[in-house]
Amino acid sequence: MIRKGKPGIKLIKTAEGFPAVKASVETTKGVVSGCFYVDTGATTSFILDSLSSNNGIRNNVISIGNFCSETSIVKIKYVIDGIRRSGHFHKIGEYELGTVGNEKILGILGTDFLIANGVTIDFSKGLIYLNNRYNIFKKYHYSIQDGCERYKLPLIILNDSSKEYICLIDSASETNMMVKSEADMPNQLSDKKAFISGLTAIMDGKLSRERIMLHGIFDKRLGDHILEEEFNVISGQSCLLELDEGNLAITAVLGCHFLWKYKCIIDFRKGIFKI
């Protein structure tokens, strides 16, 4: 059941499974049309370097795998859903984004945009909603509110038979991932070496099928759900991303194919992840 509200914006599903939305950007040479990726695993938004002639303020960006890169912040005017907007974006190289069909990828909408605009991403309908007060009722709910407030990231907890993982819900990761030490490694891993890629990081891992339980990271009362899913196991690393000066570390990721498969809903306005 969906309550009344403004119609959503259609999500484009790329060949990799990443969600994207149509948009346009105002440049000194005119308006450029294309798409933005919607990335729940990025705390900042990105724009193609070629779309802004400004040098901007230099800044460092850290991505999954604790990879650090230097970029600059610029102010951009753009249009989504017929509404003219402006905001600050980090520059990113052309080679990192590519195209979606015939559409040019203009940049990435990160959680700075998603939280500020109270966005709900509905993978069950293939739509996103901006500042729209509506409810979709699904059985399993998990709190992401404190994770979004403290770290600007949608975080939940995964448990397998022996370990608890801080898990990032990452719409721009092609695969599910988890970190395990050699001592924790399953007895049977696939011989196939997995090539793990997202928008801003590339890692290697080996495939493993894990039985996991999901629950909220700061509020475990909203429900739990047991699933069996394929993960790329990363060994030799203690975490995928450090937060809060090392006091909290992300040790697992649920990627875009999981989100489409289970028709998940990420509600940044209410701070709830639904499956």
Protein backbone atom coordinates (compact mmCIF):
# COMPACT_ATOMS: atom_id res chain seq x y z
CA MET A 1 0.00 0.00 0.00
CA ILE A 2 1.27 3.44 -0.98
CA ARG A 3 -0.22 6.54 0.55
CA LYS A 4 -0.85 9.67 -1.49
CA GLY A 5 2.13 11.77 -2.47
CA LYS A 6 4.03 13.33 -5.34
CA PRO A 7 4.88 10.88 -8.14
CA GLY A 8 8.39 9.50 -7.95
CA ILE A 9 11.33 9.97 -10.29
CA LYS A 10 12.12 6.92 -12.41
CA LEU A 11 15.33 5.06 -11.62
CA ILE A 12 17.48 3.86 -14.48
CA LYS A 13 19.12 0.49 -13.80
CA THR A 14 22.56 0.30 -15.42
CA ALA A 15 24.14 -2.86 -16.80
CA GLU A 16 26.13 -3.13 -13.53
CA GLY A 17 22.93 -2.71 -11.50
CA PHE A 18 23.66 0.83 -10.30
CA PRO A 19 20.62 3.13 -9.92
CA ALA A 20 20.69 6.43 -11.82
CA VAL A 21 18.37 9.36 -12.56
CA LYS A 22 18.11 11.67 -15.56
CA ALA A 23 19.40 15.20 -14.98
CA SER A 24 21.10 18.16 -16.63
CA VAL A 25 23.93 20.46 -15.56
CA GLU A 26 24.47 24.13 -16.39
CA THR A 27 27.98 24.86 -17.66
CA THR A 28 29.71 27.89 -19.18
CA LYS A 29 29.23 26.23 -22.58
CA GLY A 30 25.53 25.55 -22.09
CA VAL A 31 23.29 22.86 -20.60
CA VAL A 32 24.56 19.27 -20.66
CA SER A 33 22.00 16.47 -20.28
CA GLY A 34 22.62 13.00 -18.95
CA CYS A 35 22.34 11.03 -15.69
CA PHE A 36 23.52 11.04 -12.10
CA TYR A 37 24.32 7.79 -10.33
CA VAL A 38 22.53 7.47 -6.96
CA ASP A 39 25.18 6.30 -4.49
CA THR A 40 24.16 5.51 -0.91
CA GLY A 41 27.78 4.62 -0.09
CA ALA A 42 29.20 8.07 -0.86
CA THR A 43 28.92 10.86 1.72
CA THR A 44 29.59 13.51 -0.91
CA SER A 45 28.29 14.17 -4.40
CA PHE A 46 30.58 14.23 -7.46
CA ILE A 47 30.58 16.03 -10.82
CA LEU A 48 32.66 15.36 -13.92
CA ASP A 49 35.76 17.51 -13.96
CA SER A 50 34.97 18.67 -17.50
CA LEU A 51 31.62 20.18 -16.45
CA SER A 52 33.23 22.85 -14.25
CA SER A 53 36.07 25.20 -15.15
CA ASN A 54 36.50 26.29 -11.52
CA ASN A 55 39.50 25.04 -9.58
CA GLY A 56 37.55 24.87 -6.32
CA ILE A 57 38.83 24.08 -2.83
CA ARG A 58 41.14 21.07 -2.54
CA ASN A 59 39.91 18.19 -0.40
CA ASN A 60 40.57 14.49 0.23
CA VAL A 61 37.97 11.77 -0.36
CA ILE A 62 38.14 8.28 1.18
CA SER A 63 36.34 5.34 -0.43
CA ILE A 64 35.74 1.64 0.30
CA GLY A 65 39.07 -0.07 0.84
CA ASN A 66 40.30 3.07 2.63
CA PHE A 67 41.54 4.45 -0.70
CA CYS A 68 42.27 8.18 -0.41
CA SER A 69 42.27 10.57 -3.37
CA GLU A 70 42.57 14.33 -3.69
CA THR A 71 39.89 16.33 -5.45
CA SER A 72 38.32 19.80 -5.33
CA ILE A 73 34.88 21.11 -4.35
CA VAL A 74 32.90 23.30 -6.76
CA LYS A 75 29.39 24.75 -6.82
CA ILE A 76 27.15 23.40 -9.59
CA LYS A 77 23.73 24.37 -10.96
CA TYR A 78 21.71 21.39 -12.13
CA VAL A 79 18.16 20.17 -12.80
CA ILE A 80 16.46 17.00 -11.50
CA ASP A 81 12.76 16.26 -11.97
CA GLY A 82 12.27 19.66 -13.61
CA ILE A 83 13.49 21.53 -10.53
CA ARG A 84 16.51 23.83 -10.80
CA ARG A 85 18.94 23.29 -7.94
CA SER A 86 22.46 24.19 -6.88
CA GLY A 87 24.92 22.44 -4.60
CA HIS A 88 28.53 21.60 -3.88
CA PHE A 89 30.14 18.68 -5.69
CA HIS A 90 33.57 17.06 -5.65
CA LYS A 91 35.23 16.79 -9.05
CA ILE A 92 35.80 13.33 -10.50
CA GLY A 93 37.61 12.12 -13.64
CA GLU A 94 35.73 11.16 -16.82
CA TYR A 95 37.27 7.66 -16.88
CA GLU A 96 35.64 6.70 -13.54
CA LEU A 97 31.99 7.06 -14.63
CA GLY A 98 31.36 6.07 -18.26
CA THR A 99 27.91 6.12 -19.85
CA VAL A 100 24.48 4.52 -19.46
CA GLY A 101 23.32 3.54 -22.92
CA ASN A 102 23.37 6.77 -24.89
CA GLU A 103 23.25 8.90 -21.73
CA LYS A 104 26.35 10.66 -20.45
CA ILE A 105 27.04 10.18 -16.74
CA LEU A 106 27.33 13.68 -15.26
CA GLY A 107 28.23 12.71 -11.72
CA ILE A 108 27.11 11.04 -8.51
CA LEU A 109 24.42 11.99 -5.99
CA GLY A 110 25.75 11.03 -2.56
CA THR A 111 24.14 10.98 0.87
CA ASP A 112 24.71 14.73 1.33
CA PHE A 113 22.01 15.16 -1.34
CA LEU A 114 19.90 12.17 -0.26
CA ILE A 115 19.69 13.23 3.41
CA ALA A 116 19.22 16.96 2.73
CA ASN A 117 16.32 16.23 0.36
CA GLY A 118 14.68 13.52 2.47
CA VAL A 119 15.02 11.04 -0.39
CA THR A 120 13.34 7.64 -0.41
CA ILE A 121 14.78 5.10 -2.85
CA ASP A 122 12.23 2.43 -3.71
CA PHE A 123 13.85 -0.52 -5.48
CA SER A 124 10.49 -2.33 -5.54
CA LYS A 125 9.02 0.25 -7.94
CA GLY A 126 12.24 1.59 -9.44
CA LEU A 127 11.51 5.11 -8.20
CA ILE A 128 12.95 7.75 -5.90
CA TYR A 129 10.97 10.38 -4.02
CA LEU A 130 12.20 13.78 -2.84
CA ASN A 131 10.77 15.16 0.44
CA ASN A 132 7.65 13.08 -0.06
CA ARG A 133 5.61 11.96 2.96
CA TYR A 134 4.51 8.50 1.97
CA ASN A 135 4.70 5.00 3.36
CA ILE A 136 5.33 1.66 1.73
CA PHE A 137 4.57 -1.17 4.11
CA LYS A 138 7.08 -4.03 4.19
CA LYS A 139 7.54 -6.65 6.89
CA TYR A 140 11.16 -6.07 7.91
CA HIS A 141 12.39 -2.66 9.08
CA TYR A 142 15.86 -1.62 10.23
CA SER A 143 16.95 1.69 11.69
CA ILE A 144 19.58 3.66 9.74
CA GLN A 145 18.79 6.99 11.40
CA ASP A 146 21.75 7.24 13.77
CA GLY A 147 24.16 6.04 11.10
CA CYS A 148 22.92 8.77 8.76
CA GLU A 149 23.06 11.43 11.48
CA ARG A 150 26.52 10.49 12.82
CA TYR A 151 28.32 9.35 9.67
CA LYS A 152 26.05 10.32 6.74
CA LEU A 153 25.86 6.64 5.77
CA PRO A 154 23.04 4.03 5.93
CA LEU A 155 24.45 1.38 8.28
CA ILE A 156 22.98 -1.82 9.69
CA ILE A 157 24.42 -4.93 11.39
CA LEU A 158 24.90 -8.38 9.88
CA ASN A 159 25.51 -11.51 11.96
CA ASP A 160 26.72 -14.82 10.65
CA SER A 161 27.26 -17.89 12.84
CA SER A 162 30.39 -16.48 14.50
CA LYS A 163 30.78 -12.77 13.91
CA GLU A 164 29.03 -9.42 13.82
CA TYR A 165 29.62 -6.98 10.95
CA ILE A 166 28.99 -3.26 10.60
CA CYS A 167 27.37 -3.19 7.16
CA LEU A 168 27.06 -0.35 4.64
CA ILE A 169 24.06 -0.33 2.29
CA ASP A 170 25.84 0.67 -0.92
CA SER A 171 23.80 1.12 -4.09
CA ALA A 172 27.01 1.68 -6.12
CA SER A 173 28.73 -1.58 -5.19
CA GLU A 174 28.35 -4.38 -7.72
CA THR A 175 28.72 -7.07 -5.05
CA ASN A 176 28.13 -7.90 -1.41
CA MET A 177 31.39 -7.90 0.57
CA MET A 178 32.66 -8.87 4.01
CA VAL A 179 36.05 -8.86 5.71
CA LYS A 180 37.29 -12.05 7.37
CA SER A 181 40.60 -12.96 8.90
CA GLU A 182 42.35 -16.16 7.83
CA ALA A 183 41.17 -17.79 11.07
CA ASP A 184 37.55 -16.89 10.30
CA MET A 185 37.63 -17.90 6.66
CA PRO A 186 35.07 -20.54 5.64
CA ASN A 187 36.40 -24.02 4.92
CA GLN A 188 34.92 -23.95 1.44
CA LEU A 189 35.53 -20.88 -0.69
CA SER A 190 34.99 -20.82 -4.42
CA ASP A 191 38.19 -21.15 -6.42
CA LYS A 192 36.89 -18.31 -8.55
CA LYS A 193 38.57 -15.01 -7.75
CA ALA A 194 36.02 -12.23 -7.76
CA PHE A 195 36.71 -8.82 -9.28
CA ILE A 196 34.94 -6.35 -7.02
CA SER A 197 34.19 -2.95 -8.41
CA GLY A 198 32.16 0.11 -7.53
CA LEU A 199 32.19 3.68 -8.73
CA THR A 200 35.38 4.71 -6.93
CA ALA A 201 37.11 1.51 -5.77
CA ILE A 202 38.33 -1.86 -7.06
CA MET A 203 39.12 -4.84 -4.80
CA ASP A 204 39.73 -8.59 -5.05
CA GLY A 205 37.99 -11.31 -3.08
CA LYS A 206 36.75 -14.92 -3.16
CA LEU A 207 33.13 -15.96 -3.29
CA SER A 208 31.41 -17.47 -0.26
CA ARG A 209 27.76 -18.18 0.51
CA GLU A 210 26.87 -16.90 3.98
CA ARG A 211 23.81 -17.29 6.18
CA ILE A 212 23.26 -13.87 7.75
CA MET A 213 20.87 -12.08 10.09
CA LEU A 214 20.10 -8.39 9.59
CA HIS A 215 19.21 -5.91 12.31
CA GLY A 216 19.50 -2.19 13.09
CA ILE A 217 22.91 -0.90 14.13
CA PHE A 218 21.67 1.36 16.93
CA ASP A 219 18.13 0.05 17.33
CA LYS A 220 17.69 -3.74 17.27
CA ARG A 221 13.98 -3.60 18.11
CA LEU A 222 12.74 -2.98 14.57
CA GLY A 223 13.05 -6.61 13.51
CA ASP A 224 15.51 -9.12 12.16
CA HIS A 225 15.59 -11.30 9.09
CA ILE A 226 17.70 -14.34 8.17
CA LEU A 227 18.96 -14.66 4.59
CA GLU A 228 21.49 -16.72 2.70
CA GLU A 229 23.50 -14.61 0.27
CA GLU A 230 26.69 -14.69 -1.75
CA PHE A 231 29.51 -12.43 -0.49
CA ASN A 232 32.94 -11.60 -1.75
CA VAL A 233 35.21 -12.36 1.20
CA ILE A 234 38.12 -9.93 1.58
CA SER A 235 41.05 -11.30 3.58
CA GLY A 236 44.15 -9.49 4.75
CA GLN A 237 42.23 -6.35 5.73
CA SER A 238 40.68 -5.51 9.10
CA CYS A 239 37.94 -3.35 7.59
CA LEU A 240 36.58 -1.90 4.37
CA LEU A 241 36.30 1.68 5.63
CA GLU A 242 37.21 3.39 8.90
CA LEU A 243 34.79 5.90 10.41
CA ASP A 244 35.04 8.23 13.38
CA GLU A 245 38.85 8.07 13.68
CA GLY A 246 38.80 4.28 13.83
CA ASN A 247 36.14 3.96 16.55
CA LEU A 248 33.72 2.44 14.05
CA ALA A 249 34.75 0.40 11.02
CA ILE A 250 32.65 -0.92 8.14
CA THR A 251 33.31 -4.64 7.72
CA ALA A 252 30.56 -5.62 5.25
CA VAL A 253 28.64 -4.18 2.29
CA LEU A 254 25.26 -5.00 0.79
CA GLY A 255 25.44 -4.01 -2.88
CA CYS A 256 23.05 -2.97 -5.61
CA HIS A 257 21.99 -6.47 -6.74
CA PHE A 258 20.85 -7.28 -3.18
CA LEU A 259 18.76 -4.08 -3.17
CA TRP A 260 17.05 -4.88 -6.47
CA LYS A 261 16.59 -8.59 -5.66
CA TYR A 262 14.77 -7.97 -2.36
CA LYS A 263 12.98 -4.82 -3.60
CA CYS A 264 14.48 -2.85 -0.73
CA ILE A 265 13.50 0.66 0.33
CA ILE A 266 15.95 3.17 1.80
CA ASP A 267 14.06 5.99 3.49
CA PHE A 268 16.46 8.82 4.39
CA ARG A 269 13.61 11.02 5.66
CA LYS A 270 12.52 8.52 8.34
CA GLY A 271 15.91 6.82 8.73
CA ILE A 272 14.63 3.33 7.94
CA PHE A 273 15.79 0.51 5.67
CA LYS A 274 13.02 -1.85 4.59
CA ILE A 275 13.21 -5.30 3.01
